[in-house]
Amino acid sequence: MARKPKSVVDIDKEIEALKAARAAAMDARAAHIGKLAAKAELTMLDMSDADLLEAFKTIAVRFRKQGATPAAAPHGPTTA
């Protein structure tokens, strides 16, 4: 029995659902990282967003070199 091909509208709906699921997963991960930052008392430091972002980038580079990159790294511009 042949399976009916999906319509473009159905595929677009699936894509939108996956984008929403990805955004929710990214938000959950960001909240988790924020909690860890608070436990490390980063919230107590008096530093600019630019300095903190640079420190996070340094940490990311260190872990990427160790081969601990996430399976689905975010794409697109980074916002502070």
N, C-alpha and C. Protein backbone atom coordinates (compact mmCIF):
# COMPACT_ATOMS: atom_id res chain seq x y z
N MET A 1 0.83 -1.17 0.00
CA MET A 1 0.00 0.00 0.00
C MET A 1 0.89 1.25 0.00
N ALA A 2 0.67 2.12 -0.95
CA ALA A 2 1.47 3.33 -1.08
C ALA A 2 1.04 4.35 -0.04
N ARG A 3 2.03 5.01 0.50
CA ARG A 3 1.77 6.05 1.50
C ARG A 3 1.58 7.38 0.80
N LYS A 4 0.59 8.14 1.24
CA LYS A 4 0.31 9.44 0.65
C LYS A 4 1.42 10.41 1.04
N PRO A 5 2.01 11.10 0.06
CA PRO A 5 3.07 12.05 0.40
C PRO A 5 2.51 13.22 1.21
N LYS A 6 3.36 13.76 2.06
CA LYS A 6 2.95 14.91 2.89
C LYS A 6 2.82 16.14 2.01
N SER A 7 1.87 16.98 2.37
CA SER A 7 1.71 18.24 1.65
C SER A 7 2.74 19.24 2.15
N VAL A 8 2.97 20.26 1.36
CA VAL A 8 3.90 21.32 1.74
C VAL A 8 3.41 22.00 3.02
N VAL A 9 2.11 22.16 3.15
CA VAL A 9 1.53 22.78 4.35
C VAL A 9 1.84 21.93 5.58
N ASP A 10 1.70 20.60 5.47
CA ASP A 10 2.00 19.71 6.59
C ASP A 10 3.48 19.78 6.96
N ILE A 11 4.35 19.83 5.95
CA ILE A 11 5.78 19.92 6.21
C ILE A 11 6.11 21.24 6.89
N ASP A 12 5.50 22.33 6.42
CA ASP A 12 5.73 23.64 7.05
C ASP A 12 5.28 23.64 8.51
N LYS A 13 4.16 22.97 8.81
CA LYS A 13 3.68 22.87 10.19
C LYS A 13 4.68 22.10 11.05
N GLU A 14 5.23 21.02 10.50
CA GLU A 14 6.22 20.24 11.24
C GLU A 14 7.47 21.07 11.51
N ILE A 15 7.89 21.84 10.50
CA ILE A 15 9.07 22.69 10.67
C ILE A 15 8.83 23.71 11.78
N GLU A 16 7.68 24.35 11.77
CA GLU A 16 7.37 25.34 12.81
C GLU A 16 7.32 24.69 14.19
N ALA A 17 6.76 23.48 14.28
CA ALA A 17 6.70 22.78 15.56
C ALA A 17 8.12 22.45 16.05
N LEU A 18 8.98 22.03 15.14
CA LEU A 18 10.36 21.73 15.51
C LEU A 18 11.12 22.98 15.93
N LYS A 19 10.87 24.11 15.25
CA LYS A 19 11.50 25.36 15.65
C LYS A 19 11.06 25.77 17.05
N ALA A 20 9.78 25.60 17.34
CA ALA A 20 9.27 25.93 18.67
C ALA A 20 9.89 25.01 19.73
N ALA A 21 10.00 23.73 19.41
CA ALA A 21 10.61 22.78 20.35
C ALA A 21 12.07 23.12 20.58
N ARG A 22 12.78 23.51 19.52
CA ARG A 22 14.18 23.89 19.65
C ARG A 22 14.32 25.13 20.53
N ALA A 23 13.47 26.12 20.30
CA ALA A 23 13.52 27.35 21.10
C ALA A 23 13.25 27.04 22.57
N ALA A 24 12.30 26.16 22.85
CA ALA A 24 12.00 25.79 24.24
C ALA A 24 13.18 25.07 24.87
N ALA A 25 13.84 24.21 24.10
CA ALA A 25 15.00 23.49 24.62
C ALA A 25 16.16 24.46 24.90
N MET A 26 16.35 25.42 24.01
CA MET A 26 17.40 26.42 24.21
C MET A 26 17.11 27.28 25.44
N ASP A 27 15.85 27.66 25.62
CA ASP A 27 15.47 28.46 26.80
C ASP A 27 15.70 27.67 28.09
N ALA A 28 15.35 26.38 28.06
CA ALA A 28 15.55 25.54 29.25
C ALA A 28 17.03 25.41 29.56
N ARG A 29 17.85 25.23 28.53
CA ARG A 29 19.30 25.10 28.73
C ARG A 29 19.88 26.41 29.27
N ALA A 30 19.41 27.54 28.72
CA ALA A 30 19.88 28.84 29.18
C ALA A 30 19.53 29.07 30.65
N ALA A 31 18.33 28.68 31.04
CA ALA A 31 17.92 28.82 32.44
C ALA A 31 18.80 27.95 33.33
N HIS A 32 19.11 26.74 32.88
CA HIS A 32 19.97 25.84 33.65
C HIS A 32 21.37 26.44 33.82
N ILE A 33 21.92 26.96 32.74
CA ILE A 33 23.25 27.58 32.81
C ILE A 33 23.21 28.81 33.72
N GLY A 34 22.12 29.57 33.65
CA GLY A 34 21.97 30.73 34.53
C GLY A 34 21.97 30.33 36.00
N LYS A 35 21.30 29.24 36.32
CA LYS A 35 21.28 28.76 37.70
C LYS A 35 22.68 28.34 38.15
N LEU A 36 23.42 27.68 37.26
CA LEU A 36 24.79 27.30 37.60
C LEU A 36 25.67 28.53 37.80
N ALA A 37 25.48 29.54 36.96
CA ALA A 37 26.24 30.78 37.10
C ALA A 37 25.95 31.43 38.45
N ALA A 38 24.69 31.40 38.87
CA ALA A 38 24.32 31.97 40.16
C ALA A 38 24.96 31.17 41.30
N LYS A 39 24.97 29.84 41.18
CA LYS A 39 25.61 29.01 42.21
C LYS A 39 27.10 29.29 42.30
N ALA A 40 27.71 29.64 41.16
CA ALA A 40 29.14 29.97 41.15
C ALA A 40 29.38 31.41 41.57
N GLU A 41 28.32 32.08 41.98
CA GLU A 41 28.34 33.46 42.47
C GLU A 41 28.77 34.47 41.40
N LEU A 42 28.51 34.15 40.13
CA LEU A 42 28.79 35.11 39.07
C LEU A 42 27.86 36.30 39.15
N THR A 43 26.70 36.11 39.75
CA THR A 43 25.75 37.21 39.88
C THR A 43 26.24 38.25 40.88
N MET A 44 27.24 37.91 41.68
CA MET A 44 27.77 38.83 42.68
C MET A 44 28.91 39.68 42.13
N LEU A 45 29.38 39.36 40.94
CA LEU A 45 30.51 40.09 40.37
C LEU A 45 30.03 41.37 39.71
N ASP A 46 30.82 42.42 39.87
CA ASP A 46 30.51 43.70 39.24
C ASP A 46 31.33 43.79 37.96
N MET A 47 30.72 43.29 36.85
CA MET A 47 31.41 43.32 35.57
C MET A 47 30.40 43.58 34.46
N SER A 48 30.90 44.12 33.38
CA SER A 48 30.02 44.46 32.27
C SER A 48 29.55 43.20 31.54
N ASP A 49 28.46 43.34 30.80
CA ASP A 49 27.97 42.22 29.99
C ASP A 49 29.03 41.80 28.98
N ALA A 50 29.75 42.78 28.42
CA ALA A 50 30.78 42.46 27.43
C ALA A 50 31.89 41.61 28.05
N ASP A 51 32.31 41.97 29.27
CA ASP A 51 33.36 41.20 29.94
C ASP A 51 32.87 39.80 30.29
N LEU A 52 31.63 39.70 30.77
CA LEU A 52 31.09 38.40 31.12
C LEU A 52 30.92 37.53 29.87
N LEU A 53 30.45 38.12 28.79
CA LEU A 53 30.30 37.38 27.54
C LEU A 53 31.65 36.87 27.05
N GLU A 54 32.66 37.70 27.15
CA GLU A 54 34.00 37.28 26.73
C GLU A 54 34.50 36.11 27.59
N ALA A 55 34.21 36.14 28.88
CA ALA A 55 34.60 35.03 29.76
C ALA A 55 33.87 33.75 29.38
N PHE A 56 32.57 33.88 29.07
CA PHE A 56 31.80 32.69 28.64
C PHE A 56 32.36 32.14 27.32
N LYS A 57 32.73 33.03 26.41
CA LYS A 57 33.31 32.57 25.13
C LYS A 57 34.61 31.83 25.36
N THR A 58 35.42 32.31 26.31
CA THR A 58 36.67 31.64 26.65
C THR A 58 36.41 30.23 27.18
N ILE A 59 35.40 30.11 28.02
CA ILE A 59 35.02 28.80 28.55
C ILE A 59 34.56 27.89 27.41
N ALA A 60 33.75 28.43 26.50
CA ALA A 60 33.25 27.63 25.38
C ALA A 60 34.39 27.12 24.52
N VAL A 61 35.37 27.98 24.23
CA VAL A 61 36.52 27.57 23.43
C VAL A 61 37.28 26.45 24.14
N ARG A 62 37.47 26.59 25.44
CA ARG A 62 38.20 25.57 26.21
C ARG A 62 37.51 24.22 26.11
N PHE A 63 36.18 24.20 26.26
CA PHE A 63 35.48 22.92 26.23
C PHE A 63 35.36 22.37 24.81
N ARG A 64 35.29 23.23 23.82
CA ARG A 64 35.27 22.73 22.43
C ARG A 64 36.58 22.04 22.11
N LYS A 65 37.68 22.58 22.60
CA LYS A 65 38.99 21.97 22.36
C LYS A 65 39.06 20.59 23.01
N GLN A 66 38.32 20.39 24.09
CA GLN A 66 38.30 19.10 24.78
C GLN A 66 37.33 18.13 24.11
N GLY A 67 36.62 18.59 23.08
CA GLY A 67 35.69 17.72 22.39
C GLY A 67 34.33 17.63 23.05
N ALA A 68 33.99 18.58 23.89
CA ALA A 68 32.71 18.54 24.61
C ALA A 68 31.70 19.50 24.01
N THR A 69 31.66 19.58 22.66
CA THR A 69 30.70 20.49 22.03
C THR A 69 29.31 19.90 22.07
N PRO A 70 28.30 20.73 22.23
CA PRO A 70 26.93 20.23 22.24
C PRO A 70 26.52 19.69 20.88
N ALA A 71 25.60 18.76 20.87
CA ALA A 71 25.14 18.14 19.62
C ALA A 71 24.49 19.15 18.71
N ALA A 72 23.76 20.10 19.27
CA ALA A 72 23.05 21.08 18.46
C ALA A 72 23.44 22.48 18.89
N ALA A 73 24.57 22.93 18.39
CA ALA A 73 25.02 24.28 18.74
C ALA A 73 24.12 25.30 18.08
N PRO A 74 23.82 26.38 18.78
CA PRO A 74 22.95 27.40 18.18
C PRO A 74 23.61 28.06 16.98
N HIS A 75 22.81 28.40 16.01
CA HIS A 75 23.28 29.09 14.82
C HIS A 75 22.70 30.47 14.80
N GLY A 76 23.39 31.37 14.17
CA GLY A 76 22.87 32.72 14.05
C GLY A 76 23.57 33.66 15.00
N PRO A 77 23.14 34.91 15.01
CA PRO A 77 23.81 35.92 15.83
C PRO A 77 23.59 35.69 17.32
N THR A 78 24.59 36.06 18.08
CA THR A 78 24.52 35.96 19.52
C THR A 78 24.05 37.30 20.07
N THR A 79 23.11 37.25 21.00
CA THR A 79 22.63 38.48 21.63
C THR A 79 23.00 38.47 23.09
N ALA A 80 23.33 39.63 23.58
CA ALA A 80 23.72 39.74 25.00
C ALA A 80 22.56 40.19 25.83
